[in-house]
């Protein structure tokens, strides 16, 4: 037990203390506002207030955690034992930066509520992020700051013990296009064929005919391979299905297609599933489209749908998450960047969405992801070896600090085309290492 003195128990302070101490460090704590009770206690103590009152550990509080405003503070990096923190404290504080305030700023995504440069899909660009700008995006800094805080408390109080969550490997597969050629309908099929023939692409036209006549396998039909990869760990992956109406950015097989529905049922019988709300759903200011698409998946599987990841990673604060809550979604998997790899919210620990506009914690649990196939291959143009090195480095951080390593891969990216063939090695190595660590959470194969 840790006793925390504060002048005021605010929603923001309660929220971040829950995440840091209970979720990350596995430590119970209690807030007190009574100075005498705090002074008389023999428990490990932390004074998070305006003034130091005794010889306890003191950390000068930051007004951001007691405010209801959404603001853009001027961030100045504070170096401490080779690590970078933010929100400078005071000379009599036991740390020169405030890990509670810095963690709240990162996890709440406050910077994404404010006007910022967006890409052509209306998405917050990774380069806008303070973690990216200070070179910290590929580190779970919130978990690192929590470890620094706990270490200092343990130095002072020998009875104070903290631990870490085990490493969890969470593969996720997005099915944006179940098949390259099958199930698209005559008009879409013939239109695509006409385009291929008009540009003299006889190879693609031939492959289309061969797939439809079962002479060759459809290039996106890689599900047997995926079943093999996850065969020993069927509880690990989540498959997300795009079931939106046809549009410019929503081009999956129609949800009414019998073979597609059979495929979804087959996958659902083996692994967890979730809805992949369409690009169009992000244009809606309410949850009606998400609700419609979620109902389609429930109709197919016969199971309640509680997981979602927005198509194109179109995450907009707070609209997307409010729509999820209204639609009955309890687990989100959208927290990551399409244009960069790393820890968008600064943490590898699942956390509840804190709505800054209402200043309250919600019951929507967010599962961040760190890497995506398209990000590495198209945006960053990493070679397979470079991609593997990046992945292993981030897995090292997650393994050392405890938490969830999650990736996004698409069935399309496992085809044997010239474009993706070499990247299949990345997928294989990533799963091999992830399941190895997941099977031995105490391995600590690498150290920071």
Protein backbone atom coordinates (compact mmCIF):
# COMPACT_ATOMS: atom_id res chain seq x y z
CA UNK A 1 0.00 0.00 0.00
CA UNK A 2 1.16 3.52 -0.87
CA UNK A 3 -0.33 6.58 0.79
CA UNK A 4 -0.63 9.65 -1.45
CA UNK A 5 -1.30 13.05 0.05
CA UNK A 6 -2.92 15.68 -2.14
CA UNK A 7 -4.80 18.89 -1.45
CA UNK A 8 -7.56 17.90 -3.88
CA UNK A 9 -8.50 14.54 -5.37
CA UNK A 10 -9.29 15.41 -8.97
CA UNK A 11 -10.63 13.09 -11.73
CA UNK A 12 -7.39 13.46 -13.71
CA UNK A 13 -5.18 12.63 -10.74
CA UNK A 14 -7.34 9.63 -9.77
CA UNK A 15 -7.23 8.34 -13.33
CA UNK A 16 -3.47 8.54 -13.86
CA UNK A 17 -2.69 7.18 -10.38
CA UNK A 18 -4.87 4.15 -11.16
CA UNK A 19 -2.98 3.57 -14.39
CA UNK A 20 0.52 4.12 -13.00
CA UNK A 21 0.25 2.35 -9.67
CA UNK A 22 -2.43 -0.33 -10.07
CA UNK A 23 -2.26 -1.16 -13.79
CA UNK A 24 1.47 -0.76 -14.50
CA UNK A 25 3.22 -1.25 -11.16
CA UNK A 26 0.65 -3.60 -9.54
CA UNK A 27 0.68 -1.50 -6.36
CA UNK A 28 -2.35 -0.56 -4.26
CA UNK A 29 -2.65 3.03 -3.04
CA UNK A 30 -4.88 5.39 -1.11
CA UNK A 31 -5.40 9.13 -1.42
CA UNK A 32 -5.61 11.25 1.73
CA UNK A 33 -6.30 14.95 2.13
CA UNK A 34 -5.79 14.95 5.90
CA UNK A 35 -2.25 16.14 6.67
CA UNK A 36 -2.29 14.70 10.17
CA UNK A 37 -3.38 11.25 9.01
CA UNK A 38 -0.68 11.36 6.35
CA UNK A 39 2.00 12.42 8.85
CA UNK A 40 1.06 9.72 11.38
CA UNK A 41 1.01 6.83 8.91
CA UNK A 42 3.83 4.29 8.79
CA UNK A 43 3.05 3.35 5.18
CA UNK A 44 5.26 4.37 2.26
CA UNK A 45 4.20 7.94 1.53
CA UNK A 46 4.15 10.30 -1.42
CA UNK A 47 3.25 13.96 -1.03
CA UNK A 48 1.81 15.23 -4.33
CA UNK A 49 0.79 18.79 -3.47
CA UNK A 50 1.94 22.39 -3.55
CA UNK A 51 4.12 22.25 -0.45
CA UNK A 52 6.40 19.84 1.34
CA UNK A 53 5.28 19.22 4.94
CA UNK A 54 7.90 16.87 6.40
CA UNK A 55 10.61 14.44 5.43
CA UNK A 56 8.33 12.37 3.17
CA UNK A 57 8.93 12.01 -0.55
CA UNK A 58 7.65 15.23 -2.10
CA UNK A 59 6.69 15.83 -5.72
CA UNK A 60 5.37 19.28 -6.48
CA UNK A 61 1.97 18.88 -8.14
CA UNK A 62 1.21 20.29 -11.56
CA UNK A 63 -1.95 22.29 -12.13
CA UNK A 64 -2.72 20.34 -15.32
CA UNK A 65 -3.94 17.41 -13.22
CA UNK A 66 -6.36 19.66 -11.30
CA UNK A 67 -7.69 21.58 -14.27
CA UNK A 68 -10.63 20.89 -16.56
CA UNK A 69 -9.08 22.76 -19.48
CA UNK A 70 -7.70 21.27 -22.67
CA UNK A 71 -4.47 23.12 -23.29
CA UNK A 72 -1.23 23.06 -25.20
CA UNK A 73 1.57 23.50 -22.63
CA UNK A 74 5.06 24.45 -23.72
CA UNK A 75 7.01 21.27 -23.20
CA UNK A 76 10.62 21.38 -22.12
CA UNK A 77 12.52 18.07 -21.84
CA UNK A 78 14.00 17.27 -18.44
CA UNK A 79 16.89 14.77 -18.38
CA UNK A 80 17.18 12.38 -15.46
CA UNK A 81 19.60 9.43 -15.32
CA UNK A 82 19.70 9.16 -19.09
CA UNK A 83 15.92 9.33 -19.50
CA UNK A 84 13.78 12.20 -20.77
CA UNK A 85 10.80 13.47 -18.80
CA UNK A 86 8.52 16.50 -18.95
CA UNK A 87 6.80 19.01 -16.66
CA UNK A 88 9.61 20.30 -14.48
CA UNK A 89 9.03 20.15 -10.74
CA UNK A 90 10.84 21.98 -7.93
CA UNK A 91 14.24 21.89 -6.24
CA UNK A 92 12.79 20.12 -3.19
CA UNK A 93 11.02 17.45 -5.26
CA UNK A 94 12.59 13.99 -5.33
CA UNK A 95 12.35 13.94 -9.15
CA UNK A 96 13.10 16.86 -11.48
CA UNK A 97 10.09 16.02 -13.68
CA UNK A 98 6.51 14.99 -12.97
CA UNK A 99 5.86 11.43 -14.20
CA UNK A 100 2.18 11.61 -13.24
CA UNK A 101 1.47 14.77 -15.23
CA UNK A 102 3.64 13.72 -18.19
CA UNK A 103 1.91 10.34 -18.31
CA UNK A 104 -1.55 11.89 -18.22
CA UNK A 105 -0.66 14.28 -21.03
CA UNK A 106 0.56 11.37 -23.18
CA UNK A 107 -2.19 8.86 -22.42
CA UNK A 108 -5.13 11.26 -22.57
CA UNK A 109 -3.98 12.36 -26.05
CA UNK A 110 -4.65 15.97 -25.11
CA UNK A 111 -2.63 17.21 -28.06
CA UNK A 112 -5.05 15.46 -30.43
CA UNK A 113 -8.02 17.48 -29.17
CA UNK A 114 -6.39 20.68 -30.39
CA UNK A 115 -6.14 21.97 -33.98
CA UNK A 116 -3.29 20.26 -35.82
CA UNK A 117 -2.07 19.38 -39.28
CA UNK A 118 -3.97 16.34 -40.60
CA UNK A 119 -3.40 14.15 -43.64
CA UNK A 120 -5.83 13.73 -46.54
CA UNK A 121 -7.89 11.26 -44.51
CA UNK A 122 -8.32 13.69 -41.63
CA UNK A 123 -5.90 11.80 -39.39
CA UNK A 124 -3.57 13.27 -36.78
CA UNK A 125 -0.06 13.06 -38.22
CA UNK A 126 2.58 11.32 -36.10
CA UNK A 127 4.98 14.22 -36.68
CA UNK A 128 2.63 16.44 -34.64
CA UNK A 129 3.18 14.28 -31.56
CA UNK A 130 5.46 15.56 -28.82
CA UNK A 131 6.82 12.02 -28.41
CA UNK A 132 7.84 11.96 -32.07
CA UNK A 133 9.35 15.44 -31.89
CA UNK A 134 11.50 14.49 -28.88
CA UNK A 135 12.56 11.13 -30.35
CA UNK A 136 10.58 9.05 -27.83
CA UNK A 137 7.85 7.51 -29.97
CA UNK A 138 9.47 4.06 -30.11
CA UNK A 139 9.73 3.76 -26.31
CA UNK A 140 6.89 3.07 -23.83
CA UNK A 141 7.80 6.19 -21.89
CA UNK A 142 4.83 6.03 -19.52
CA UNK A 143 5.94 2.59 -18.37
CA UNK A 144 9.54 3.82 -18.12
CA UNK A 145 8.48 6.85 -16.04
CA UNK A 146 6.41 4.57 -13.79
CA UNK A 147 9.46 2.38 -13.16
CA UNK A 148 11.58 5.45 -12.31
CA UNK A 149 8.92 6.67 -9.87
CA UNK A 150 8.57 3.27 -8.20
CA UNK A 151 12.34 2.87 -7.96
CA UNK A 152 12.70 6.13 -6.07
CA UNK A 153 9.91 5.18 -3.66
CA UNK A 154 11.53 1.78 -3.07
CA UNK A 155 14.88 3.46 -2.34
CA UNK A 156 13.22 5.42 0.46
CA UNK A 157 10.89 2.70 1.79
CA UNK A 158 12.39 -0.80 1.83
CA UNK A 159 8.94 -2.33 2.46
CA UNK A 160 7.58 -0.86 -0.78
CA UNK A 161 7.33 -3.55 -3.44
CA UNK A 162 6.21 -3.22 -7.02
CA UNK A 163 6.13 -5.58 -9.95
CA UNK A 164 5.15 -5.53 -13.60
CA UNK A 165 2.50 -7.00 -15.78
CA UNK A 166 3.51 -10.02 -17.88
CA UNK A 167 4.37 -9.67 -21.56
CA UNK A 168 1.33 -10.34 -23.74
CA UNK A 169 1.55 -10.91 -27.48
CA UNK A 170 -1.55 -9.67 -29.30
CA UNK A 171 -1.61 -10.30 -33.08
CA UNK A 172 -4.42 -8.62 -35.02
CA UNK A 173 -5.46 -9.19 -38.62
CA UNK A 174 -7.50 -6.68 -40.64
CA UNK A 175 -9.59 -8.20 -43.42
CA UNK A 176 -10.20 -5.21 -45.69
CA UNK A 177 -10.44 -7.42 -48.78
CA UNK A 178 -11.27 -11.04 -48.12
CA UNK A 179 -10.27 -11.98 -51.68
CA UNK A 180 -8.55 -10.19 -54.52
CA UNK A 181 -10.97 -11.46 -57.17
CA UNK A 182 -13.74 -13.51 -55.64
CA UNK A 183 -17.08 -12.23 -54.39
CA UNK A 184 -16.89 -8.72 -55.85
CA UNK A 185 -19.92 -9.04 -58.12
CA UNK A 186 -20.13 -8.94 -61.91
CA UNK A 187 -19.96 -5.15 -62.30
CA UNK A 188 -16.88 -4.73 -60.10
CA UNK A 189 -15.23 -7.82 -61.61
CA UNK A 190 -15.82 -6.81 -65.23
CA UNK A 191 -14.82 -3.19 -64.56
CA UNK A 192 -11.53 -4.29 -63.03
CA UNK A 193 -10.92 -6.69 -65.90
CA UNK A 194 -11.56 -3.94 -68.45
CA UNK A 195 -9.00 -1.70 -66.74
CA UNK A 196 -6.40 -4.47 -66.74
CA UNK A 197 -6.92 -5.21 -70.41
CA UNK A 198 -6.92 -1.52 -71.39
CA UNK A 199 -3.47 -1.05 -69.86
CA UNK A 200 -2.20 -4.32 -71.31
CA UNK A 201 -1.88 -6.04 -67.93
CA UNK A 202 -2.47 -9.54 -69.22
CA UNK A 203 -0.79 -11.10 -66.17
CA UNK A 204 -3.38 -9.67 -63.76
CA UNK A 205 -6.24 -10.44 -66.12
CA UNK A 206 -5.04 -14.03 -66.41
CA UNK A 207 -4.68 -14.37 -62.64
CA UNK A 208 -8.25 -13.08 -62.24
CA UNK A 209 -9.64 -15.75 -64.57
CA UNK A 210 -7.53 -18.52 -63.00
CA UNK A 211 -8.65 -17.63 -59.47
CA UNK A 212 -12.32 -17.52 -60.41
CA UNK A 213 -12.06 -20.89 -62.19
CA UNK A 214 -10.14 -22.42 -59.22
CA UNK A 215 -7.10 -23.07 -61.38
CA UNK A 216 -5.01 -21.00 -58.98
CA UNK A 217 -5.58 -19.82 -55.43
CA UNK A 218 -6.87 -16.28 -54.93
CA UNK A 219 -3.78 -14.31 -53.78
CA UNK A 220 -5.57 -12.89 -50.70
CA UNK A 221 -6.83 -16.31 -49.63
CA UNK A 222 -4.16 -16.92 -46.98
CA UNK A 223 -6.42 -18.09 -44.18
CA UNK A 224 -5.06 -21.65 -43.99
CA UNK A 225 -1.62 -20.16 -43.46
CA UNK A 226 -2.95 -17.92 -40.70
CA UNK A 227 -4.70 -20.86 -39.05
CA UNK A 228 -1.35 -22.64 -39.05
CA UNK A 229 0.51 -19.65 -37.55
CA UNK A 230 -2.01 -19.30 -34.73
CA UNK A 231 -2.84 -22.98 -34.37
CA UNK A 232 -0.99 -23.41 -31.07
CA UNK A 233 -2.26 -20.07 -29.75
CA UNK A 234 -5.88 -19.77 -30.92
CA UNK A 235 -6.79 -17.40 -28.10
CA UNK A 236 -4.12 -14.84 -29.10
CA UNK A 237 -5.22 -13.14 -32.36
CA UNK A 238 -8.18 -10.93 -33.18
CA UNK A 239 -9.54 -10.70 -36.73
CA UNK A 240 -11.28 -7.46 -37.71
CA UNK A 241 -13.76 -7.50 -40.61
CA UNK A 242 -14.73 -4.57 -42.80
CA UNK A 243 -18.49 -4.88 -43.35
CA UNK A 244 -19.33 -1.37 -44.51
CA UNK A 245 -21.24 -0.44 -47.65
CA UNK A 246 -19.19 -0.11 -50.82
CA UNK A 247 -17.39 3.22 -51.18
CA UNK A 248 -14.19 4.87 -52.36
CA UNK A 249 -12.22 3.56 -49.37
CA UNK A 250 -14.47 0.66 -48.37
CA UNK A 251 -14.14 -2.03 -51.01
CA UNK A 252 -14.49 -5.37 -49.29
CA UNK A 253 -16.67 -8.22 -50.46
CA UNK A 254 -20.36 -7.43 -49.72
CA UNK A 255 -21.32 -8.62 -46.26
CA UNK A 256 -24.25 -10.51 -47.75
CA UNK A 257 -21.95 -12.74 -49.84
CA UNK A 258 -22.45 -16.35 -48.70
CA UNK A 259 -18.80 -17.39 -49.00
CA UNK A 260 -17.66 -14.33 -47.10
CA UNK A 261 -20.12 -15.03 -44.30
CA UNK A 262 -18.95 -18.66 -44.19
CA UNK A 263 -15.34 -17.46 -43.96
CA UNK A 264 -16.17 -15.13 -41.07
CA UNK A 265 -17.92 -17.97 -39.23
CA UNK A 266 -14.99 -20.30 -39.81
CA UNK A 267 -12.52 -17.74 -38.45
CA UNK A 268 -14.85 -16.87 -35.57
CA UNK A 269 -15.01 -20.52 -34.55
CA UNK A 270 -11.21 -20.50 -34.13
CA UNK A 271 -10.31 -16.97 -33.03
CA UNK A 272 -11.70 -13.75 -31.56
CA UNK A 273 -13.30 -11.33 -33.99
CA UNK A 274 -14.15 -7.64 -34.07
CA UNK A 275 -15.72 -5.05 -36.32
CA UNK A 276 -13.57 -2.87 -38.57
CA UNK A 277 -15.77 0.25 -38.85
CA UNK A 278 -15.68 1.68 -42.35
CA UNK A 279 -13.96 4.83 -43.55
CA UNK A 280 -17.42 6.29 -44.01
CA UNK A 281 -18.32 5.67 -40.37
CA UNK A 282 -15.69 8.24 -39.36
CA UNK A 283 -17.58 10.88 -41.31
CA UNK A 284 -20.62 10.35 -39.11
CA UNK A 285 -21.00 12.43 -35.96
CA UNK A 286 -23.03 9.71 -34.24
CA UNK A 287 -22.78 5.93 -33.84
CA UNK A 288 -25.45 4.83 -36.33
CA UNK A 289 -23.13 3.52 -39.05
CA UNK A 290 -20.90 1.72 -36.54
CA UNK A 291 -23.98 0.22 -34.93
CA UNK A 292 -25.23 -1.00 -38.31
CA UNK A 293 -21.91 -2.61 -39.21
CA UNK A 294 -21.54 -4.16 -35.75
CA UNK A 295 -25.02 -5.67 -36.08
CA UNK A 296 -23.99 -7.24 -39.39
CA UNK A 297 -21.08 -9.03 -37.73
CA UNK A 298 -23.28 -10.15 -34.85
CA UNK A 299 -25.81 -11.50 -37.35
CA UNK A 300 -23.10 -13.54 -39.05
CA UNK A 301 -21.33 -14.91 -35.97
CA UNK A 302 -24.22 -15.04 -33.53
CA UNK A 303 -21.87 -13.53 -30.94
CA UNK A 304 -21.90 -10.15 -29.21
CA UNK A 305 -19.34 -7.79 -30.77
CA UNK A 306 -17.27 -5.78 -28.27
CA UNK A 307 -14.02 -5.14 -30.21
CA UNK A 308 -13.38 -2.55 -32.91
CA UNK A 309 -10.61 -0.93 -34.91
CA UNK A 310 -11.34 1.97 -37.22
CA UNK A 311 -10.60 1.39 -40.92
CA UNK A 312 -7.64 3.51 -42.11
CA UNK A 313 -6.87 4.17 -38.41
CA UNK A 314 -9.24 7.16 -38.62
CA UNK A 315 -9.16 8.02 -34.95
CA UNK A 316 -10.66 11.40 -34.06
CA UNK A 317 -10.92 12.66 -30.48
CA UNK A 318 -13.31 12.37 -28.79
CA UNK A 319 -15.88 11.52 -31.50
CA UNK A 320 -14.63 8.06 -32.45
CA UNK A 321 -14.50 6.78 -28.90
CA UNK A 322 -17.82 8.32 -27.93
CA UNK A 323 -19.42 6.59 -30.91
CA UNK A 324 -17.85 3.29 -29.83
CA UNK A 325 -19.27 3.66 -26.34
CA UNK A 326 -22.74 4.50 -27.69
CA UNK A 327 -22.56 1.46 -30.00
CA UNK A 328 -21.68 -0.89 -27.13
CA UNK A 329 -18.02 -1.36 -28.05
CA UNK A 330 -15.88 -1.94 -24.95
CA UNK A 331 -12.44 -2.69 -26.48
CA UNK A 332 -10.68 -0.44 -28.99
CA UNK A 333 -7.63 -1.43 -31.05
CA UNK A 334 -7.14 1.78 -33.08
CA UNK A 335 -4.49 3.46 -30.91
CA UNK A 336 -1.48 3.67 -33.18
CA UNK A 337 -0.27 5.65 -36.17
CA UNK A 338 -0.68 4.78 -39.85
CA UNK A 339 2.45 6.77 -40.73
CA UNK A 340 4.84 5.81 -37.93
CA UNK A 341 5.60 2.88 -35.66
CA UNK A 342 5.78 3.12 -31.90
CA UNK A 343 3.66 3.97 -28.88
CA UNK A 344 1.11 6.62 -29.84
CA UNK A 345 -0.07 7.08 -26.24
CA UNK A 346 3.37 6.46 -24.77
CA UNK A 347 2.41 3.16 -23.17
CA UNK A 348 2.21 -0.57 -23.88
CA UNK A 349 -0.37 -1.05 -21.11
CA UNK A 350 -4.09 -1.18 -22.03
CA UNK A 351 -5.89 1.79 -20.50
CA UNK A 352 -9.35 3.30 -20.22
CA UNK A 353 -10.30 6.24 -22.41
CA UNK A 354 -10.41 9.49 -20.44
CA UNK A 355 -12.77 11.96 -22.12
CA UNK A 356 -11.13 15.35 -21.65
CA UNK A 357 -14.24 17.27 -22.68
CA UNK A 358 -16.33 15.70 -19.94
CA UNK A 359 -13.30 15.32 -17.64
CA UNK A 360 -14.08 11.73 -16.71
CA UNK A 361 -12.83 8.20 -17.16
CA UNK A 362 -14.97 5.93 -19.35
CA UNK A 363 -15.31 2.15 -19.53
CA UNK A 364 -13.80 1.89 -23.03
CA UNK A 365 -10.54 -0.06 -22.80
CA UNK A 366 -7.86 0.91 -25.33
CA UNK A 367 -5.34 -1.66 -26.59
CA UNK A 368 -2.51 0.21 -28.37
CA UNK A 369 -0.68 -1.36 -31.31
CA UNK A 370 2.95 -0.63 -32.20
CA UNK A 371 3.53 -1.73 -35.79
CA UNK A 372 1.57 -2.21 -39.00
CA UNK A 373 2.60 -3.85 -42.25
CA UNK A 374 1.60 -0.94 -44.48
CA UNK A 375 3.38 1.56 -42.23
CA UNK A 376 6.70 -0.24 -42.47
CA UNK A 377 6.47 -1.21 -46.13
CA UNK A 378 4.84 1.84 -47.74
CA UNK A 379 5.21 4.82 -45.39
CA UNK A 380 8.67 4.16 -43.95
CA UNK A 381 9.95 1.99 -46.81
CA UNK A 382 11.87 -0.26 -44.45
CA UNK A 383 13.66 -3.30 -45.79
CA UNK A 384 12.58 -6.58 -44.20
CA UNK A 385 15.73 -6.65 -42.07
CA UNK A 386 15.18 -3.06 -40.93
CA UNK A 387 11.57 -3.84 -40.07
CA UNK A 388 12.56 -6.90 -38.02
CA UNK A 389 15.17 -4.86 -36.13
CA UNK A 390 12.59 -2.19 -35.28
CA UNK A 391 10.06 -4.78 -34.14
CA UNK A 392 12.59 -6.61 -31.97
CA UNK A 393 13.64 -3.35 -30.33
CA UNK A 394 10.06 -2.46 -29.39
CA UNK A 395 9.36 -6.00 -28.20
CA UNK A 396 12.42 -5.66 -25.98
CA UNK A 397 10.93 -2.56 -24.36
CA UNK A 398 7.55 -4.23 -23.82
CA UNK A 399 9.14 -7.40 -22.45
CA UNK A 400 11.31 -5.44 -20.03
CA UNK A 401 8.58 -3.16 -18.74
CA UNK A 402 5.58 -5.48 -18.98
CA UNK A 403 2.58 -4.91 -21.19
CA UNK A 404 1.08 -5.79 -24.55
CA UNK A 405 2.87 -5.93 -27.88
CA UNK A 406 0.32 -5.75 -30.68
CA UNK A 407 0.62 -5.52 -34.43
CA UNK A 408 -1.69 -5.02 -37.43
CA UNK A 409 -1.26 -7.22 -40.47
CA UNK A 410 -3.56 -7.61 -43.46
CA UNK A 411 -4.37 -10.86 -45.21
CA UNK A 412 -3.51 -8.99 -48.44
CA UNK A 413 0.07 -8.48 -47.22
CA UNK A 414 0.71 -12.21 -46.96
CA UNK A 415 0.35 -12.81 -50.68
CA UNK A 416 3.34 -13.96 -52.71
CA UNK A 417 3.48 -10.91 -54.99
CA UNK A 418 6.79 -9.26 -55.72
CA UNK A 419 5.73 -6.34 -53.54
CA UNK A 420 5.01 -8.34 -50.37
CA UNK A 421 6.88 -11.62 -50.78
CA UNK A 422 9.96 -10.58 -48.76
CA UNK A 423 7.79 -9.09 -46.03
CA UNK A 424 6.34 -12.49 -45.27
CA UNK A 425 9.68 -13.13 -43.51
CA UNK A 426 8.93 -10.17 -41.23
CA UNK A 427 5.55 -11.65 -40.32
CA UNK A 428 7.10 -15.05 -39.61
CA UNK A 429 9.95 -13.71 -37.44
CA UNK A 430 7.67 -11.33 -35.54
CA UNK A 431 5.24 -14.10 -34.58
CA UNK A 432 8.05 -16.50 -33.72
CA UNK A 433 9.67 -14.05 -31.31
CA UNK A 434 6.37 -12.80 -29.89
CA UNK A 435 5.09 -16.26 -29.02
CA UNK A 436 8.47 -17.28 -27.60
CA UNK A 437 8.49 -14.34 -25.17
CA UNK A 438 4.78 -14.76 -24.45
CA UNK A 439 5.43 -18.34 -23.39
CA UNK A 440 8.12 -17.25 -20.94
CA UNK A 441 7.21 -13.86 -19.46
CA UNK A 442 10.12 -14.02 -16.99
CA UNK A 443 12.73 -14.60 -19.68
CA UNK A 444 14.02 -11.00 -19.87
CA UNK A 445 15.97 -11.91 -22.96
CA UNK A 446 17.22 -8.35 -23.22
CA UNK A 447 17.82 -5.53 -20.79
CA UNK A 448 17.42 -1.78 -21.28
